[in-house]
Amino acid sequence: MSDMLDLLLRERIVAIVRGLSGEAADRAAEALIDGGIRLVEVTMNTEGALETISSWRKKFDGRAEIGAGTVLDIGMAREAVAAGARYLISPNLDEEVIAFGAERGISVWPGVMTPTEIVRAWKAGAEAVKVFPMASLGVNYLAEIRAPLNHIPMIATGGVDLTTIRAYFEAGAVAVGMGSRLLNRDWIRAGDFGRLTENARRYVEIVRSLT
């Protein structure tokens, strides 16, 4: 088991940072990490994503692991890893990206929806898969596909909030991916980063109560 997969299985929450840059992004990430988040993904369609990944690898070294999200192809994978991403996450399945990660010891957690895609990703060497979009598919879908595929670690992404997070884990998710529920834009605009920390802490406490 890789270090990143081990961390994922222990911490069980990946924070998704999309569309935030500059000081606001730095302070938001700091707030989440203060709240106990240990996996932070910067999506590649965020302005300055590569610079942010590189900066945060240094800034949060020893406190959190920084990865790249929305890694759609091998070109983006190369850029993300060069910037220092410790793991790669995508909304799609690209076997070339999985192979690239395997060659370099970088965890790749590709996006999948159907049972066929899940098995394809697993056979290609993915350590875990991101089941997406869970907000549309629903928790019952996750429970159904986990029944025959319970040997494949699944990260549920989409639709996770304080009222649903337990249900996702009960349905068999090993982890969840969370964006707006952790990174409330109104709080960020207001500079109320303490609320981000407290909110993150509530999710972390729920996850810890499940293990």
N, C-alpha and C. Protein backbone atom coordinates (compact mmCIF):
# COMPACT_ATOMS: atom_id res chain seq x y z
N MET A 1 0.84 -1.20 0.00
CA MET A 1 0.00 0.00 0.00
C MET A 1 0.87 1.25 0.00
N SER A 2 0.54 2.21 -0.86
CA SER A 2 1.34 3.43 -0.93
C SER A 2 1.06 4.32 0.28
N ASP A 3 1.97 5.25 0.53
CA ASP A 3 1.80 6.19 1.64
C ASP A 3 0.53 7.02 1.46
N MET A 4 0.24 7.43 0.22
CA MET A 4 -0.92 8.28 -0.02
C MET A 4 -2.22 7.50 0.17
N LEU A 5 -2.26 6.25 -0.29
CA LEU A 5 -3.46 5.44 -0.08
C LEU A 5 -3.66 5.20 1.41
N ASP A 6 -2.58 4.92 2.12
CA ASP A 6 -2.67 4.72 3.56
C ASP A 6 -3.24 5.96 4.24
N LEU A 7 -2.77 7.14 3.82
CA LEU A 7 -3.27 8.39 4.40
C LEU A 7 -4.74 8.59 4.06
N LEU A 8 -5.12 8.28 2.83
CA LEU A 8 -6.51 8.41 2.40
C LEU A 8 -7.42 7.53 3.25
N LEU A 9 -7.01 6.30 3.47
CA LEU A 9 -7.83 5.36 4.24
C LEU A 9 -7.91 5.75 5.71
N ARG A 10 -6.91 6.46 6.20
CA ARG A 10 -6.93 6.90 7.60
C ARG A 10 -7.71 8.19 7.78
N GLU A 11 -7.47 9.16 6.89
CA GLU A 11 -8.05 10.50 7.06
C GLU A 11 -9.45 10.62 6.46
N ARG A 12 -9.69 10.00 5.31
CA ARG A 12 -11.01 9.79 4.72
C ARG A 12 -11.71 11.03 4.18
N ILE A 13 -11.05 12.17 4.17
CA ILE A 13 -11.61 13.39 3.56
C ILE A 13 -10.56 14.02 2.66
N VAL A 14 -10.95 14.32 1.42
CA VAL A 14 -10.10 15.09 0.51
C VAL A 14 -10.80 16.42 0.27
N ALA A 15 -10.13 17.51 0.61
CA ALA A 15 -10.68 18.85 0.35
C ALA A 15 -10.35 19.24 -1.07
N ILE A 16 -11.36 19.70 -1.81
CA ILE A 16 -11.18 20.08 -3.22
C ILE A 16 -11.18 21.59 -3.34
N VAL A 17 -10.04 22.16 -3.70
CA VAL A 17 -9.90 23.61 -3.85
C VAL A 17 -10.01 23.94 -5.33
N ARG A 18 -11.09 24.62 -5.69
CA ARG A 18 -11.33 24.97 -7.09
C ARG A 18 -11.68 26.47 -7.20
N GLY A 19 -10.98 27.15 -8.10
CA GLY A 19 -11.32 28.54 -8.36
C GLY A 19 -10.89 29.53 -7.30
N LEU A 20 -10.00 29.13 -6.42
CA LEU A 20 -9.46 30.03 -5.40
C LEU A 20 -7.97 30.22 -5.65
N SER A 21 -7.51 31.44 -5.52
CA SER A 21 -6.09 31.69 -5.71
C SER A 21 -5.64 32.83 -4.80
N GLY A 22 -4.35 33.03 -4.77
CA GLY A 22 -3.79 34.13 -3.99
C GLY A 22 -3.94 33.95 -2.49
N GLU A 23 -4.00 35.07 -1.78
CA GLU A 23 -4.03 35.06 -0.32
C GLU A 23 -5.28 34.34 0.20
N ALA A 24 -6.42 34.53 -0.46
CA ALA A 24 -7.65 33.88 -0.01
C ALA A 24 -7.50 32.37 -0.02
N ALA A 25 -6.88 31.84 -1.08
CA ALA A 25 -6.67 30.40 -1.16
C ALA A 25 -5.72 29.93 -0.07
N ASP A 26 -4.64 30.69 0.14
CA ASP A 26 -3.67 30.31 1.17
C ASP A 26 -4.32 30.26 2.54
N ARG A 27 -5.11 31.28 2.84
CA ARG A 27 -5.74 31.35 4.17
C ARG A 27 -6.83 30.28 4.32
N ALA A 28 -7.54 29.99 3.23
CA ALA A 28 -8.57 28.96 3.28
C ALA A 28 -7.95 27.58 3.53
N ALA A 29 -6.86 27.29 2.82
CA ALA A 29 -6.18 26.01 3.02
C ALA A 29 -5.64 25.89 4.43
N GLU A 30 -5.05 26.96 4.91
CA GLU A 30 -4.54 26.97 6.29
C GLU A 30 -5.66 26.69 7.28
N ALA A 31 -6.83 27.29 7.03
CA ALA A 31 -7.97 27.11 7.93
C ALA A 31 -8.44 25.66 7.94
N LEU A 32 -8.51 25.04 6.77
CA LEU A 32 -8.93 23.64 6.70
C LEU A 32 -7.94 22.72 7.40
N ILE A 33 -6.66 22.99 7.18
CA ILE A 33 -5.62 22.16 7.81
C ILE A 33 -5.65 22.34 9.33
N ASP A 34 -5.90 23.57 9.78
CA ASP A 34 -6.06 23.81 11.22
C ASP A 34 -7.25 23.02 11.78
N GLY A 35 -8.24 22.78 10.92
CA GLY A 35 -9.42 22.02 11.34
C GLY A 35 -9.24 20.52 11.26
N GLY A 36 -8.07 20.07 10.79
CA GLY A 36 -7.78 18.64 10.79
C GLY A 36 -7.76 17.97 9.43
N ILE A 37 -7.96 18.73 8.36
CA ILE A 37 -7.91 18.16 7.01
C ILE A 37 -6.46 17.88 6.64
N ARG A 38 -6.19 16.70 6.12
CA ARG A 38 -4.80 16.31 5.81
C ARG A 38 -4.55 16.04 4.33
N LEU A 39 -5.61 16.06 3.51
CA LEU A 39 -5.47 15.87 2.07
C LEU A 39 -6.16 17.03 1.37
N VAL A 40 -5.39 17.81 0.62
CA VAL A 40 -5.92 18.99 -0.06
C VAL A 40 -5.59 18.88 -1.54
N GLU A 41 -6.62 18.91 -2.36
CA GLU A 41 -6.49 18.79 -3.82
C GLU A 41 -6.71 20.16 -4.47
N VAL A 42 -5.79 20.59 -5.29
CA VAL A 42 -5.94 21.82 -6.07
C VAL A 42 -6.30 21.42 -7.50
N THR A 43 -7.45 21.85 -7.98
CA THR A 43 -7.86 21.43 -9.32
C THR A 43 -7.07 22.18 -10.38
N MET A 44 -6.75 21.48 -11.44
CA MET A 44 -5.90 22.05 -12.49
C MET A 44 -6.59 23.15 -13.30
N ASN A 45 -7.92 23.25 -13.19
CA ASN A 45 -8.60 24.35 -13.89
C ASN A 45 -8.76 25.58 -13.00
N THR A 46 -7.99 25.63 -11.92
CA THR A 46 -7.91 26.81 -11.06
C THR A 46 -6.76 27.68 -11.54
N GLU A 47 -6.99 28.97 -11.63
CA GLU A 47 -5.93 29.89 -12.08
C GLU A 47 -4.72 29.77 -11.15
N GLY A 48 -3.55 29.58 -11.75
CA GLY A 48 -2.32 29.47 -10.96
C GLY A 48 -2.20 28.17 -10.19
N ALA A 49 -2.88 27.11 -10.66
CA ALA A 49 -2.89 25.84 -9.93
C ALA A 49 -1.50 25.29 -9.67
N LEU A 50 -0.65 25.33 -10.68
CA LEU A 50 0.70 24.75 -10.53
C LEU A 50 1.51 25.51 -9.50
N GLU A 51 1.41 26.82 -9.52
CA GLU A 51 2.12 27.64 -8.54
C GLU A 51 1.60 27.36 -7.13
N THR A 52 0.28 27.19 -7.02
CA THR A 52 -0.31 26.91 -5.71
C THR A 52 0.15 25.57 -5.18
N ILE A 53 0.14 24.55 -6.03
CA ILE A 53 0.60 23.22 -5.61
C ILE A 53 2.05 23.30 -5.11
N SER A 54 2.89 23.95 -5.89
CA SER A 54 4.30 24.06 -5.52
C SER A 54 4.48 24.80 -4.19
N SER A 55 3.75 25.91 -4.05
CA SER A 55 3.85 26.71 -2.83
C SER A 55 3.35 25.94 -1.62
N TRP A 56 2.23 25.27 -1.76
CA TRP A 56 1.64 24.57 -0.62
C TRP A 56 2.43 23.34 -0.21
N ARG A 57 3.10 22.70 -1.17
CA ARG A 57 3.96 21.57 -0.81
C ARG A 57 4.99 22.02 0.23
N LYS A 58 5.53 23.20 0.04
CA LYS A 58 6.53 23.73 0.99
C LYS A 58 5.85 24.26 2.25
N LYS A 59 4.81 25.04 2.06
CA LYS A 59 4.15 25.72 3.18
C LYS A 59 3.55 24.75 4.19
N PHE A 60 2.95 23.67 3.69
CA PHE A 60 2.23 22.75 4.57
C PHE A 60 2.95 21.41 4.74
N ASP A 61 4.22 21.39 4.44
CA ASP A 61 5.01 20.17 4.56
C ASP A 61 4.93 19.63 5.99
N GLY A 62 4.57 18.35 6.10
CA GLY A 62 4.45 17.74 7.41
C GLY A 62 3.08 17.90 8.04
N ARG A 63 2.25 18.79 7.46
CA ARG A 63 0.91 19.01 8.02
C ARG A 63 -0.19 18.49 7.11
N ALA A 64 0.04 18.52 5.81
CA ALA A 64 -0.96 18.05 4.85
C ALA A 64 -0.25 17.65 3.56
N GLU A 65 -0.91 16.76 2.82
CA GLU A 65 -0.38 16.34 1.52
C GLU A 65 -1.20 17.02 0.42
N ILE A 66 -0.50 17.60 -0.54
CA ILE A 66 -1.14 18.37 -1.60
C ILE A 66 -1.16 17.55 -2.90
N GLY A 67 -2.33 17.48 -3.50
CA GLY A 67 -2.47 16.78 -4.76
C GLY A 67 -3.08 17.67 -5.83
N ALA A 68 -3.19 17.13 -7.02
CA ALA A 68 -3.79 17.86 -8.14
C ALA A 68 -5.09 17.18 -8.53
N GLY A 69 -6.10 17.99 -8.80
CA GLY A 69 -7.38 17.47 -9.25
C GLY A 69 -7.68 17.92 -10.67
N THR A 70 -8.73 17.36 -11.24
CA THR A 70 -9.13 17.65 -12.63
C THR A 70 -7.95 17.44 -13.58
N VAL A 71 -7.22 16.35 -13.33
CA VAL A 71 -6.09 15.97 -14.18
C VAL A 71 -6.67 15.13 -15.32
N LEU A 72 -6.88 15.74 -16.45
CA LEU A 72 -7.64 15.11 -17.53
C LEU A 72 -6.81 14.23 -18.47
N ASP A 73 -5.50 14.50 -18.54
CA ASP A 73 -4.69 13.77 -19.50
C ASP A 73 -3.24 13.72 -19.05
N ILE A 74 -2.41 13.06 -19.84
CA ILE A 74 -1.02 12.85 -19.48
C ILE A 74 -0.23 14.15 -19.40
N GLY A 75 -0.57 15.11 -20.24
CA GLY A 75 0.12 16.40 -20.20
C GLY A 75 -0.10 17.10 -18.87
N MET A 76 -1.34 17.12 -18.42
CA MET A 76 -1.65 17.74 -17.13
C MET A 76 -1.01 16.96 -15.99
N ALA A 77 -0.96 15.65 -16.11
CA ALA A 77 -0.34 14.83 -15.08
C ALA A 77 1.14 15.17 -14.94
N ARG A 78 1.83 15.32 -16.08
CA ARG A 78 3.25 15.66 -16.04
C ARG A 78 3.47 17.01 -15.36
N GLU A 79 2.65 17.99 -15.72
CA GLU A 79 2.78 19.33 -15.12
C GLU A 79 2.53 19.29 -13.62
N ALA A 80 1.50 18.56 -13.21
CA ALA A 80 1.14 18.51 -11.80
C ALA A 80 2.24 17.86 -10.97
N VAL A 81 2.78 16.76 -11.47
CA VAL A 81 3.84 16.07 -10.73
C VAL A 81 5.11 16.92 -10.68
N ALA A 82 5.40 17.60 -11.78
CA ALA A 82 6.57 18.50 -11.79
C ALA A 82 6.43 19.62 -10.77
N ALA A 83 5.18 20.04 -10.53
CA ALA A 83 4.92 21.10 -9.56
C ALA A 83 4.96 20.59 -8.12
N GLY A 84 4.93 19.26 -7.97
CA GLY A 84 5.02 18.69 -6.63
C GLY A 84 3.80 17.95 -6.14
N ALA A 85 2.81 17.74 -7.00
CA ALA A 85 1.61 17.02 -6.56
C ALA A 85 1.96 15.62 -6.08
N ARG A 86 1.40 15.24 -4.94
CA ARG A 86 1.69 13.93 -4.34
C ARG A 86 0.70 12.86 -4.80
N TYR A 87 -0.42 13.28 -5.36
CA TYR A 87 -1.42 12.35 -5.90
C TYR A 87 -2.21 13.08 -6.96
N LEU A 88 -2.82 12.32 -7.86
CA LEU A 88 -3.56 12.89 -8.98
C LEU A 88 -4.99 12.36 -8.95
N ILE A 89 -5.95 13.27 -9.09
CA ILE A 89 -7.37 12.92 -9.08
C ILE A 89 -8.01 13.52 -10.33
N SER A 90 -8.96 12.80 -10.90
CA SER A 90 -9.60 13.29 -12.13
C SER A 90 -11.09 12.97 -12.10
N PRO A 91 -11.88 13.66 -12.95
CA PRO A 91 -13.28 13.30 -13.10
C PRO A 91 -13.48 12.19 -14.11
N ASN A 92 -12.40 11.81 -14.81
CA ASN A 92 -12.47 10.84 -15.91
C ASN A 92 -11.44 9.73 -15.72
N LEU A 93 -11.60 8.69 -16.53
CA LEU A 93 -10.66 7.56 -16.50
C LEU A 93 -9.74 7.64 -17.72
N ASP A 94 -8.45 7.77 -17.45
CA ASP A 94 -7.44 7.79 -18.51
C ASP A 94 -6.33 6.84 -18.09
N GLU A 95 -6.26 5.67 -18.72
CA GLU A 95 -5.27 4.66 -18.34
C GLU A 95 -3.84 5.16 -18.47
N GLU A 96 -3.61 6.08 -19.39
CA GLU A 96 -2.27 6.63 -19.58
C GLU A 96 -1.81 7.39 -18.34
N VAL A 97 -2.73 8.09 -17.72
CA VAL A 97 -2.40 8.82 -16.50
C VAL A 97 -2.10 7.85 -15.36
N ILE A 98 -2.88 6.77 -15.27
CA ILE A 98 -2.64 5.76 -14.24
C ILE A 98 -1.25 5.14 -14.41
N ALA A 99 -0.90 4.81 -15.65
CA ALA A 99 0.41 4.23 -15.92
C ALA A 99 1.53 5.20 -15.59
N PHE A 100 1.33 6.46 -15.92
CA PHE A 100 2.32 7.50 -15.61
C PHE A 100 2.56 7.58 -14.11
N GLY A 101 1.47 7.57 -13.34
CA GLY A 101 1.61 7.63 -11.89
C GLY A 101 2.32 6.41 -11.34
N ALA A 102 1.97 5.23 -11.87
CA ALA A 102 2.59 3.99 -11.39
C ALA A 102 4.10 3.99 -11.62
N GLU A 103 4.51 4.52 -12.77
CA GLU A 103 5.94 4.57 -13.09
C GLU A 103 6.72 5.45 -12.13
N ARG A 104 6.03 6.45 -11.58
CA ARG A 104 6.71 7.44 -10.72
C ARG A 104 6.34 7.33 -9.25
N GLY A 105 5.58 6.32 -8.90
CA GLY A 105 5.19 6.16 -7.50
C GLY A 105 4.21 7.21 -7.03
N ILE A 106 3.40 7.73 -7.95
CA ILE A 106 2.40 8.74 -7.61
C ILE A 106 1.02 8.09 -7.64
N SER A 107 0.28 8.23 -6.55
CA SER A 107 -1.07 7.66 -6.51
C SER A 107 -1.99 8.38 -7.49
N VAL A 108 -2.79 7.61 -8.22
CA VAL A 108 -3.77 8.16 -9.15
C VAL A 108 -5.14 7.60 -8.78
N TRP A 109 -6.09 8.51 -8.53
CA TRP A 109 -7.45 8.11 -8.16
C TRP A 109 -8.40 8.68 -9.22
N PRO A 110 -8.65 7.91 -10.29
CA PRO A 110 -9.42 8.41 -11.42
C PRO A 110 -10.92 8.45 -11.16
N GLY A 111 -11.60 9.31 -11.92
CA GLY A 111 -13.04 9.42 -11.83
C GLY A 111 -13.73 8.33 -12.64
N VAL A 112 -14.72 7.71 -12.03
CA VAL A 112 -15.47 6.64 -12.68
C VAL A 112 -16.94 6.76 -12.27
N MET A 113 -17.80 6.11 -13.07
CA MET A 113 -19.22 6.09 -12.71
C MET A 113 -19.79 4.68 -12.78
N THR A 114 -19.54 4.00 -13.87
CA THR A 114 -20.15 2.69 -14.08
C THR A 114 -19.29 1.56 -13.51
N PRO A 115 -19.90 0.39 -13.26
CA PRO A 115 -19.11 -0.76 -12.83
C PRO A 115 -18.00 -1.10 -13.82
N THR A 116 -18.27 -0.97 -15.11
CA THR A 116 -17.25 -1.26 -16.12
C THR A 116 -16.05 -0.33 -15.97
N GLU A 117 -16.31 0.97 -15.78
CA GLU A 117 -15.22 1.93 -15.61
C GLU A 117 -14.44 1.64 -14.33
N ILE A 118 -15.14 1.28 -13.27
CA ILE A 118 -14.49 0.99 -11.99
C ILE A 118 -13.51 -0.17 -12.14
N VAL A 119 -13.95 -1.24 -12.78
CA VAL A 119 -13.09 -2.40 -12.97
C VAL A 119 -11.94 -2.09 -13.93
N ARG A 120 -12.23 -1.32 -14.97
CA ARG A 120 -11.16 -0.91 -15.90
C ARG A 120 -10.07 -0.15 -15.18
N ALA A 121 -10.47 0.79 -14.34
CA ALA A 121 -9.50 1.60 -13.60
C ALA A 121 -8.67 0.72 -12.68
N TRP A 122 -9.32 -0.20 -12.00
CA TRP A 122 -8.63 -1.11 -11.08
C TRP A 122 -7.63 -1.98 -11.82
N LYS A 123 -8.04 -2.54 -12.95
CA LYS A 123 -7.15 -3.39 -13.74
C LYS A 123 -5.98 -2.60 -14.31
N ALA A 124 -6.20 -1.30 -14.56
CA ALA A 124 -5.12 -0.46 -15.09
C ALA A 124 -4.11 -0.08 -14.02
N GLY A 125 -4.44 -0.33 -12.74
CA GLY A 125 -3.50 -0.06 -11.66
C GLY A 125 -3.88 1.03 -10.70
N ALA A 126 -5.10 1.56 -10.80
CA ALA A 126 -5.53 2.59 -9.85
C ALA A 126 -5.69 1.96 -8.46
N GLU A 127 -5.17 2.62 -7.44
CA GLU A 127 -5.27 2.11 -6.07
C GLU A 127 -6.67 2.32 -5.49
N ALA A 128 -7.32 3.38 -5.96
CA ALA A 128 -8.67 3.73 -5.52
C ALA A 128 -9.32 4.47 -6.67
N VAL A 129 -10.65 4.57 -6.64
CA VAL A 129 -11.36 5.29 -7.68
C VAL A 129 -12.26 6.35 -7.06
N LYS A 130 -12.49 7.39 -7.82
CA LYS A 130 -13.39 8.47 -7.40
C LYS A 130 -14.73 8.26 -8.10
N VAL A 131 -15.75 7.91 -7.33
CA VAL A 131 -17.08 7.72 -7.91
C VAL A 131 -17.77 9.08 -7.97
N PHE A 132 -18.10 9.48 -9.20
CA PHE A 132 -18.54 10.85 -9.45
C PHE A 132 -19.49 10.85 -10.64
N PRO A 133 -20.58 11.64 -10.60
CA PRO A 133 -21.01 12.62 -9.59
C PRO A 133 -22.00 12.02 -8.59
N MET A 134 -21.59 11.86 -7.35
CA MET A 134 -22.43 11.22 -6.35
C MET A 134 -23.67 12.04 -6.01
N ALA A 135 -23.60 13.36 -6.16
CA ALA A 135 -24.79 14.17 -5.87
C ALA A 135 -25.95 13.77 -6.77
N SER A 136 -25.65 13.37 -7.99
CA SER A 136 -26.68 12.94 -8.94
C SER A 136 -26.98 11.45 -8.81
N LEU A 137 -25.94 10.64 -8.59
CA LEU A 137 -26.11 9.19 -8.53
C LEU A 137 -26.81 8.75 -7.25
N GLY A 138 -26.48 9.38 -6.14
CA GLY A 138 -27.10 9.05 -4.87
C GLY A 138 -26.41 7.94 -4.11
N VAL A 139 -26.61 7.94 -2.81
CA VAL A 139 -25.92 7.00 -1.93
C VAL A 139 -26.36 5.56 -2.19
N ASN A 140 -27.59 5.35 -2.62
CA ASN A 140 -28.05 3.98 -2.91
C ASN A 140 -27.28 3.37 -4.07
N TYR A 141 -26.91 4.20 -5.04
CA TYR A 141 -26.11 3.72 -6.17
C TYR A 141 -24.77 3.20 -5.67
N LEU A 142 -24.16 3.96 -4.77
CA LEU A 142 -22.87 3.54 -4.22
C LEU A 142 -23.00 2.20 -3.52
N ALA A 143 -24.02 2.04 -2.72
CA ALA A 143 -24.22 0.78 -1.99
C ALA A 143 -24.40 -0.38 -2.97
N GLU A 144 -25.11 -0.15 -4.07
CA GLU A 144 -25.35 -1.22 -5.05
C GLU A 144 -24.07 -1.66 -5.75
N ILE A 145 -23.25 -0.69 -6.18
CA ILE A 145 -22.03 -1.08 -6.90
C ILE A 145 -20.95 -1.61 -5.96
N ARG A 146 -21.02 -1.23 -4.69
CA ARG A 146 -20.06 -1.76 -3.73
C ARG A 146 -20.29 -3.25 -3.47
N ALA A 147 -21.52 -3.69 -3.61
CA ALA A 147 -21.83 -5.09 -3.29
C ALA A 147 -20.94 -6.06 -4.08
N PRO A 148 -20.86 -5.95 -5.42
CA PRO A 148 -19.98 -6.87 -6.15
C PRO A 148 -18.54 -6.39 -6.26
N LEU A 149 -18.28 -5.12 -5.93
CA LEU A 149 -16.95 -4.54 -6.15
C LEU A 149 -16.34 -4.01 -4.84
N ASN A 150 -16.62 -4.71 -3.76
CA ASN A 150 -16.19 -4.19 -2.45
C ASN A 150 -14.69 -4.30 -2.22
N HIS A 151 -13.97 -4.94 -3.16
CA HIS A 151 -12.50 -5.02 -3.03
C HIS A 151 -11.81 -3.78 -3.60
N ILE A 152 -12.57 -2.89 -4.23
CA ILE A 152 -11.99 -1.70 -4.85
C ILE A 152 -12.33 -0.47 -4.00
N PRO A 153 -11.33 0.22 -3.44
CA PRO A 153 -11.59 1.40 -2.61
C PRO A 153 -12.24 2.52 -3.43
N MET A 154 -13.33 3.06 -2.92
CA MET A 154 -14.08 4.10 -3.64
C MET A 154 -14.18 5.38 -2.83
N ILE A 155 -13.86 6.49 -3.50
CA ILE A 155 -13.97 7.82 -2.92
C ILE A 155 -15.26 8.44 -3.46
N ALA A 156 -16.21 8.72 -2.59
CA ALA A 156 -17.49 9.31 -3.02
C ALA A 156 -17.32 10.83 -3.11
N THR A 157 -17.62 11.37 -4.28
CA THR A 157 -17.42 12.81 -4.48
C THR A 157 -18.68 13.44 -5.04
N GLY A 158 -19.17 14.45 -4.33
CA GLY A 158 -20.40 15.13 -4.71
C GLY A 158 -21.52 14.81 -3.73
N GLY A 159 -22.21 15.85 -3.25
CA GLY A 159 -23.37 15.65 -2.40
C GLY A 159 -23.07 15.34 -0.94
N VAL A 160 -21.83 15.49 -0.53
CA VAL A 160 -21.46 15.19 0.85
C VAL A 160 -21.64 16.42 1.72
N ASP A 161 -22.42 16.30 2.77
CA ASP A 161 -22.55 17.39 3.75
C ASP A 161 -22.70 16.77 5.14
N LEU A 162 -22.95 17.60 6.13
CA LEU A 162 -23.00 17.09 7.50
C LEU A 162 -24.13 16.09 7.71
N THR A 163 -25.19 16.20 6.92
CA THR A 163 -26.32 15.29 7.09
C THR A 163 -26.16 13.99 6.30
N THR A 164 -25.30 13.98 5.30
CA THR A 164 -25.18 12.79 4.44
C THR A 164 -23.87 12.03 4.61
N ILE A 165 -22.87 12.62 5.22
CA ILE A 165 -21.54 12.02 5.22
C ILE A 165 -21.53 10.63 5.83
N ARG A 166 -22.27 10.43 6.90
CA ARG A 166 -22.31 9.09 7.52
C ARG A 166 -22.87 8.05 6.55
N ALA A 167 -23.91 8.46 5.81
CA ALA A 167 -24.55 7.53 4.88
C ALA A 167 -23.58 7.06 3.79
N TYR A 168 -22.72 7.96 3.33
CA TYR A 168 -21.75 7.58 2.31
C TYR A 168 -20.78 6.53 2.84
N PHE A 169 -20.34 6.70 4.07
CA PHE A 169 -19.43 5.70 4.63
C PHE A 169 -20.15 4.39 4.92
N GLU A 170 -21.39 4.49 5.38
CA GLU A 170 -22.18 3.28 5.63
C GLU A 170 -22.43 2.51 4.33
N ALA A 171 -22.50 3.24 3.21
CA ALA A 171 -22.72 2.61 1.90
C ALA A 171 -21.44 1.98 1.35
N GLY A 172 -20.30 2.24 2.00
CA GLY A 172 -19.07 1.59 1.60
C GLY A 172 -17.95 2.47 1.09
N ALA A 173 -18.14 3.78 1.07
CA ALA A 173 -17.05 4.67 0.65
C ALA A 173 -15.89 4.57 1.64
N VAL A 174 -14.66 4.57 1.11
CA VAL A 174 -13.50 4.60 2.00
C VAL A 174 -13.12 6.03 2.35
N ALA A 175 -13.58 6.98 1.50
CA ALA A 175 -13.28 8.39 1.71
C ALA A 175 -14.30 9.21 0.93
N VAL A 176 -14.29 10.52 1.19
CA VAL A 176 -15.16 11.43 0.46
C VAL A 176 -14.36 12.62 -0.06
N GLY A 177 -14.76 13.13 -1.21
CA GLY A 177 -14.19 14.35 -1.75
C GLY A 177 -15.18 15.48 -1.52
N MET A 178 -14.69 16.62 -1.01
CA MET A 178 -15.59 17.72 -0.65
C MET A 178 -15.03 19.05 -1.11
N GLY A 179 -15.87 19.85 -1.74
CA GLY A 179 -15.46 21.17 -2.20
C GLY A 179 -16.18 22.29 -1.47
N SER A 180 -17.33 22.70 -1.99
CA SER A 180 -18.01 23.89 -1.47
C SER A 180 -18.48 23.74 -0.03
N ARG A 181 -18.75 22.52 0.42
CA ARG A 181 -19.19 22.33 1.80
C ARG A 181 -18.08 22.61 2.80
N LEU A 182 -16.84 22.51 2.35
CA LEU A 182 -15.71 22.86 3.20
C LEU A 182 -15.24 24.28 2.95
N LEU A 183 -15.41 24.74 1.70
CA LEU A 183 -14.86 26.05 1.30
C LEU A 183 -16.00 27.01 0.97
N ASN A 184 -16.74 27.38 2.00
CA ASN A 184 -17.88 28.29 1.84
C ASN A 184 -17.40 29.65 1.32
N ARG A 185 -17.86 30.01 0.13
CA ARG A 185 -17.36 31.23 -0.52
C ARG A 185 -17.75 32.49 0.24
N ASP A 186 -18.91 32.49 0.86
CA ASP A 186 -19.34 33.67 1.62
C ASP A 186 -18.41 33.91 2.81
N TRP A 187 -18.05 32.84 3.49
CA TRP A 187 -17.13 32.98 4.62
C TRP A 187 -15.75 33.45 4.16
N ILE A 188 -15.32 32.92 3.03
CA ILE A 188 -14.01 33.32 2.50
C ILE A 188 -14.01 34.79 2.12
N ARG A 189 -15.07 35.22 1.42
CA ARG A 189 -15.17 36.63 1.02
C ARG A 189 -15.20 37.55 2.24
N ALA A 190 -15.84 37.06 3.31
CA ALA A 190 -15.94 37.87 4.53
C ALA A 190 -14.68 37.80 5.39
N GLY A 191 -13.73 36.96 4.97
CA GLY A 191 -12.50 36.80 5.75
C GLY A 191 -12.72 36.03 7.04
N ASP A 192 -13.82 35.28 7.12
CA ASP A 192 -14.16 34.54 8.34
C ASP A 192 -13.58 33.13 8.26
N PHE A 193 -12.28 33.06 8.31
CA PHE A 193 -11.61 31.77 8.14
C PHE A 193 -11.74 30.88 9.37
N GLY A 194 -12.04 31.48 10.50
CA GLY A 194 -12.28 30.69 11.70
C GLY A 194 -13.49 29.78 11.53
N ARG A 195 -14.49 30.23 10.78
CA ARG A 195 -15.66 29.38 10.53
C ARG A 195 -15.30 28.20 9.65
N LEU A 196 -14.38 28.41 8.70
CA LEU A 196 -13.91 27.29 7.88
C LEU A 196 -13.25 26.23 8.76
N THR A 197 -12.44 26.68 9.70
CA THR A 197 -11.75 25.75 10.59
C THR A 197 -12.73 24.97 11.43
N GLU A 198 -13.69 25.67 12.02
CA GLU A 198 -14.67 24.99 12.87
C GLU A 198 -15.52 24.00 12.07
N ASN A 199 -15.90 24.40 10.87
CA ASN A 199 -16.70 23.53 10.01
C ASN A 199 -15.91 22.27 9.63
N ALA A 200 -14.65 22.47 9.25
CA ALA A 200 -13.80 21.33 8.90
C ALA A 200 -13.66 20.39 10.09
N ARG A 201 -13.52 20.96 11.26
CA ARG A 201 -13.36 20.15 12.47
C ARG A 201 -14.58 19.27 12.72
N ARG A 202 -15.76 19.78 12.39
CA ARG A 202 -16.99 19.00 12.58
C ARG A 202 -16.98 17.76 11.68
N TYR A 203 -16.56 17.94 10.43
CA TYR A 203 -16.48 16.79 9.52
C TYR A 203 -15.43 15.79 9.98
N VAL A 204 -14.29 16.30 10.39
CA VAL A 204 -13.20 15.43 10.85
C VAL A 204 -13.65 14.63 12.07
N GLU A 205 -14.37 15.27 12.98
CA GLU A 205 -14.85 14.57 14.17
C GLU A 205 -15.84 13.46 13.82
N ILE A 206 -16.71 13.71 12.84
CA ILE A 206 -17.65 12.67 12.41
C ILE A 206 -16.88 11.46 11.86
N VAL A 207 -15.89 11.75 11.00
CA VAL A 207 -15.11 10.66 10.39
C VAL A 207 -14.38 9.87 11.47
N ARG A 208 -13.81 10.56 12.42
CA ARG A 208 -13.08 9.85 13.48
C ARG A 208 -14.00 9.02 14.36
N SER A 209 -15.25 9.45 14.49
CA SER A 209 -16.21 8.68 15.29
C SER A 209 -16.63 7.39 14.59
N LEU A 210 -16.38 7.30 13.27
CA LEU A 210 -16.77 6.12 12.50
C LEU A 210 -15.71 5.04 12.53
N THR A 211 -14.49 5.40 12.87
CA THR A 211 -13.39 4.44 12.77
C THR A 211 -13.06 3.80 14.11
